[in-house]
Structures are given as C-alpha cells and as structure tokens.
Amino acid sequence: MVLDHSFGNGSLTREEVLSMGNIQETRDRINRLKDEWEREVAGLPGEALLSMERTRWPFEDRPFHELLAWLNIELMKNAAEIGYCRFLYAVSKK
C-alpha cells in the first residue's frame, strides 16, 4: 500500500491486498515489491526525502524520510512476529 500511495495512483485498499496461493508465490511477490520499492526510492533526489509530497499513506503531512523510517520499523516488527510464530510452531512439535 505504501508503494502504491507513494509512487502509484494511491488507489490500492486493504481489501484489494490478497494472500498468495503458496509460499513460493508469496516469496516471489515480496521480492518483486522489495525490488520495486528500492528502485523507486533510489531514484529520488535527496530533497524528496525532506518533502511531504509522497507521504500519503498511512499518514500525511510528514517528511518522506519519516515514512521510510516507519516502514523499516514495520518490516522489522513483521519479521520478528514471523520468527516468533516459527519458534512456537517448532516447539509445539515436541
């Protein structure tokens, strides 16, 4: 959603974000989104990071670099949650 709202037309809604069919499709989709995000952000001039022009979702009226920091924290949190779920699943087998 951040990618669509920052670099696309900003029309993507949560209801339109669908789960992939299997783990390989999910992994491939995540990698494509990561590559697209890196390409878009790398192409920005430095002053764009201080601008509020691209900060549209999930909050507005903040410099774009704050959105980048927020997104990084969200991704780290999600990775930690997935790791914890994997841990719980592994110990439940015993």
C-alpha atoms as a PDB file:
ATOM      1  CA  MET A   1       0.000   0.000   0.000  1.00  0.00           C
ATOM      2  CA  VAL A   2       2.848   2.391   0.766  1.00  0.00           C
ATOM      3  CA  LEU A   3       4.374   1.693  -2.642  1.00  0.00           C
ATOM      4  CA  ASP A   4       1.076   2.385  -4.415  1.00  0.00           C
ATOM      5  CA  HIS A   5       0.311   5.509  -2.393  1.00  0.00           C
ATOM      6  CA  SER A   6       3.842   6.922  -2.643  1.00  0.00           C
ATOM      7  CA  PHE A   7       4.676   6.078  -6.259  1.00  0.00           C
ATOM      8  CA  GLY A   8       1.441   4.886  -7.877  1.00  0.00           C
ATOM      9  CA  ASN A   9      -2.036   6.280  -8.188  1.00  0.00           C
ATOM     10  CA  GLY A  10      -2.865   5.781  -4.497  1.00  0.00           C
ATOM     11  CA  SER A  11      -5.989   3.748  -5.121  1.00  0.00           C
ATOM     12  CA  LEU A  12      -4.999   0.421  -3.502  1.00  0.00           C
ATOM     13  CA  THR A  13      -7.126  -0.513  -0.472  1.00  0.00           C
ATOM     14  CA  ARG A  14      -6.558  -3.155   2.195  1.00  0.00           C
ATOM     15  CA  GLU A  15      -9.396  -5.225   0.764  1.00  0.00           C
ATOM     16  CA  GLU A  16      -7.537  -5.457  -2.542  1.00  0.00           C
ATOM     17  CA  VAL A  17      -4.376  -6.898  -0.954  1.00  0.00           C
ATOM     18  CA  LEU A  18      -4.775 -10.641  -1.434  1.00  0.00           C
ATOM     19  CA  SER A  19      -2.858 -13.556   0.002  1.00  0.00           C
ATOM     20  CA  MET A  20      -0.738 -15.547  -2.436  1.00  0.00           C
ATOM     21  CA  GLY A  21      -1.504 -19.198  -3.111  1.00  0.00           C
ATOM     22  CA  ASN A  22       1.637 -20.774  -1.700  1.00  0.00           C
ATOM     23  CA  ILE A  23       4.918 -19.918  -0.006  1.00  0.00           C
ATOM     24  CA  GLN A  24       6.914 -19.653  -3.254  1.00  0.00           C
ATOM     25  CA  GLU A  25       4.393 -17.253  -4.817  1.00  0.00           C
ATOM     26  CA  THR A  26       4.411 -15.215  -1.603  1.00  0.00           C
ATOM     27  CA  ARG A  27       8.212 -15.094  -1.528  1.00  0.00           C
ATOM     28  CA  ASP A  28       8.359 -14.071  -5.193  1.00  0.00           C
ATOM     29  CA  ARG A  29       5.761 -11.318  -4.678  1.00  0.00           C
ATOM     30  CA  ILE A  30       7.592  -9.940  -1.636  1.00  0.00           C
ATOM     31  CA  ASN A  31      10.865  -9.886  -3.578  1.00  0.00           C
ATOM     32  CA  ARG A  32       9.244  -8.095  -6.537  1.00  0.00           C
ATOM     33  CA  LEU A  33       7.733  -5.483  -4.201  1.00  0.00           C
ATOM     34  CA  LYS A  34      11.086  -5.027  -2.457  1.00  0.00           C
ATOM     35  CA  ASP A  35      12.879  -4.574  -5.775  1.00  0.00           C
ATOM     36  CA  GLU A  36      10.303  -2.066  -6.988  1.00  0.00           C
ATOM     37  CA  TRP A  37      10.455  -0.114  -3.699  1.00  0.00           C
ATOM     38  CA  GLU A  38      14.274   0.013  -3.769  1.00  0.00           C
ATOM     39  CA  ARG A  39      14.256   1.154  -7.403  1.00  0.00           C
ATOM     40  CA  GLU A  40      11.714   3.927  -6.727  1.00  0.00           C
ATOM     41  CA  VAL A  41      13.391   5.225  -3.559  1.00  0.00           C
ATOM     42  CA  ALA A  42      16.890   5.062  -5.079  1.00  0.00           C
ATOM     43  CA  GLY A  43      15.712   7.251  -7.947  1.00  0.00           C
ATOM     44  CA  LEU A  44      14.591  10.073  -5.666  1.00  0.00           C
ATOM     45  CA  PRO A  45      16.714  13.190  -5.308  1.00  0.00           C
ATOM     46  CA  GLY A  46      17.827  13.985  -1.749  1.00  0.00           C
ATOM     47  CA  GLU A  47      15.400  16.871  -1.347  1.00  0.00           C
ATOM     48  CA  ALA A  48      12.481  14.478  -1.986  1.00  0.00           C
ATOM     49  CA  LEU A  49      13.243  12.805   1.340  1.00  0.00           C
ATOM     50  CA  LEU A  50      12.545  16.100   3.099  1.00  0.00           C
ATOM     51  CA  SER A  51       9.402  16.762   1.074  1.00  0.00           C
ATOM     52  CA  MET A  52       5.880  15.752   2.133  1.00  0.00           C
ATOM     53  CA  GLU A  53       4.769  15.244  -1.477  1.00  0.00           C
ATOM     54  CA  ARG A  54       4.972  11.426  -1.429  1.00  0.00           C
ATOM     55  CA  THR A  55       3.820  10.895   2.161  1.00  0.00           C
ATOM     56  CA  ARG A  56       0.174   9.940   1.633  1.00  0.00           C
ATOM     57  CA  TRP A  57      -0.427   6.665   3.476  1.00  0.00           C
ATOM     58  CA  PRO A  58      -0.636   5.691   6.329  1.00  0.00           C
ATOM     59  CA  PHE A  59      -0.087   9.286   7.437  1.00  0.00           C
ATOM     60  CA  GLU A  60       0.259  12.675   5.770  1.00  0.00           C
ATOM     61  CA  ASP A  61       1.985  15.995   6.353  1.00  0.00           C
ATOM     62  CA  ARG A  62       5.279  14.386   7.369  1.00  0.00           C
ATOM     63  CA  PRO A  63       8.605  14.349   5.528  1.00  0.00           C
ATOM     64  CA  PHE A  64       9.071  11.289   3.316  1.00  0.00           C
ATOM     65  CA  HIS A  65      12.126  10.172   5.289  1.00  0.00           C
ATOM     66  CA  GLU A  66       9.836   9.635   8.300  1.00  0.00           C
ATOM     67  CA  LEU A  67       7.648   7.337   6.210  1.00  0.00           C
ATOM     68  CA  LEU A  68      10.771   5.412   5.167  1.00  0.00           C
ATOM     69  CA  ALA A  69      11.795   5.012   8.817  1.00  0.00           C
ATOM     70  CA  TRP A  70       8.273   3.935   9.823  1.00  0.00           C
ATOM     71  CA  LEU A  71       8.165   1.347   7.035  1.00  0.00           C
ATOM     72  CA  ASN A  72      11.525  -0.068   8.090  1.00  0.00           C
ATOM     73  CA  ILE A  73      10.278  -0.464  11.675  1.00  0.00           C
ATOM     74  CA  GLU A  74       7.078  -2.149  10.462  1.00  0.00           C
ATOM     75  CA  LEU A  75       9.043  -4.624   8.346  1.00  0.00           C
ATOM     76  CA  MET A  76      11.383  -5.468  11.251  1.00  0.00           C
ATOM     77  CA  LYS A  77       8.366  -5.960  13.529  1.00  0.00           C
ATOM     78  CA  ASN A  78       6.717  -8.259  10.989  1.00  0.00           C
ATOM     79  CA  ALA A  79       9.902 -10.293  10.586  1.00  0.00           C
ATOM     80  CA  ALA A  80      10.136 -10.687  14.376  1.00  0.00           C
ATOM     81  CA  GLU A  81       6.500 -11.818  14.558  1.00  0.00           C
ATOM     82  CA  ILE A  82       7.042 -14.373  11.794  1.00  0.00           C
ATOM     83  CA  GLY A  83      10.160 -15.635  13.576  1.00  0.00           C
ATOM     84  CA  TYR A  84       8.245 -15.991  16.832  1.00  0.00           C
ATOM     85  CA  CYS A  85       5.453 -17.910  15.073  1.00  0.00           C
ATOM     86  CA  ARG A  86       8.048 -20.235  13.550  1.00  0.00           C
ATOM     87  CA  PHE A  87       9.570 -20.766  17.002  1.00  0.00           C
ATOM     88  CA  LEU A  88       6.171 -21.568  18.539  1.00  0.00           C
ATOM     89  CA  TYR A  89       5.402 -23.974  15.708  1.00  0.00           C
ATOM     90  CA  ALA A  90       8.768 -25.734  16.118  1.00  0.00           C
ATOM     91  CA  VAL A  91       8.395 -26.248  19.862  1.00  0.00           C
ATOM     92  CA  SER A  92       4.788 -27.401  19.523  1.00  0.00           C
ATOM     93  CA  LYS A  93       6.023 -30.477  17.626  1.00  0.00           C
ATOM     94  CA  LYS A  94       7.772 -31.868  20.716  1.00  0.00           C
END
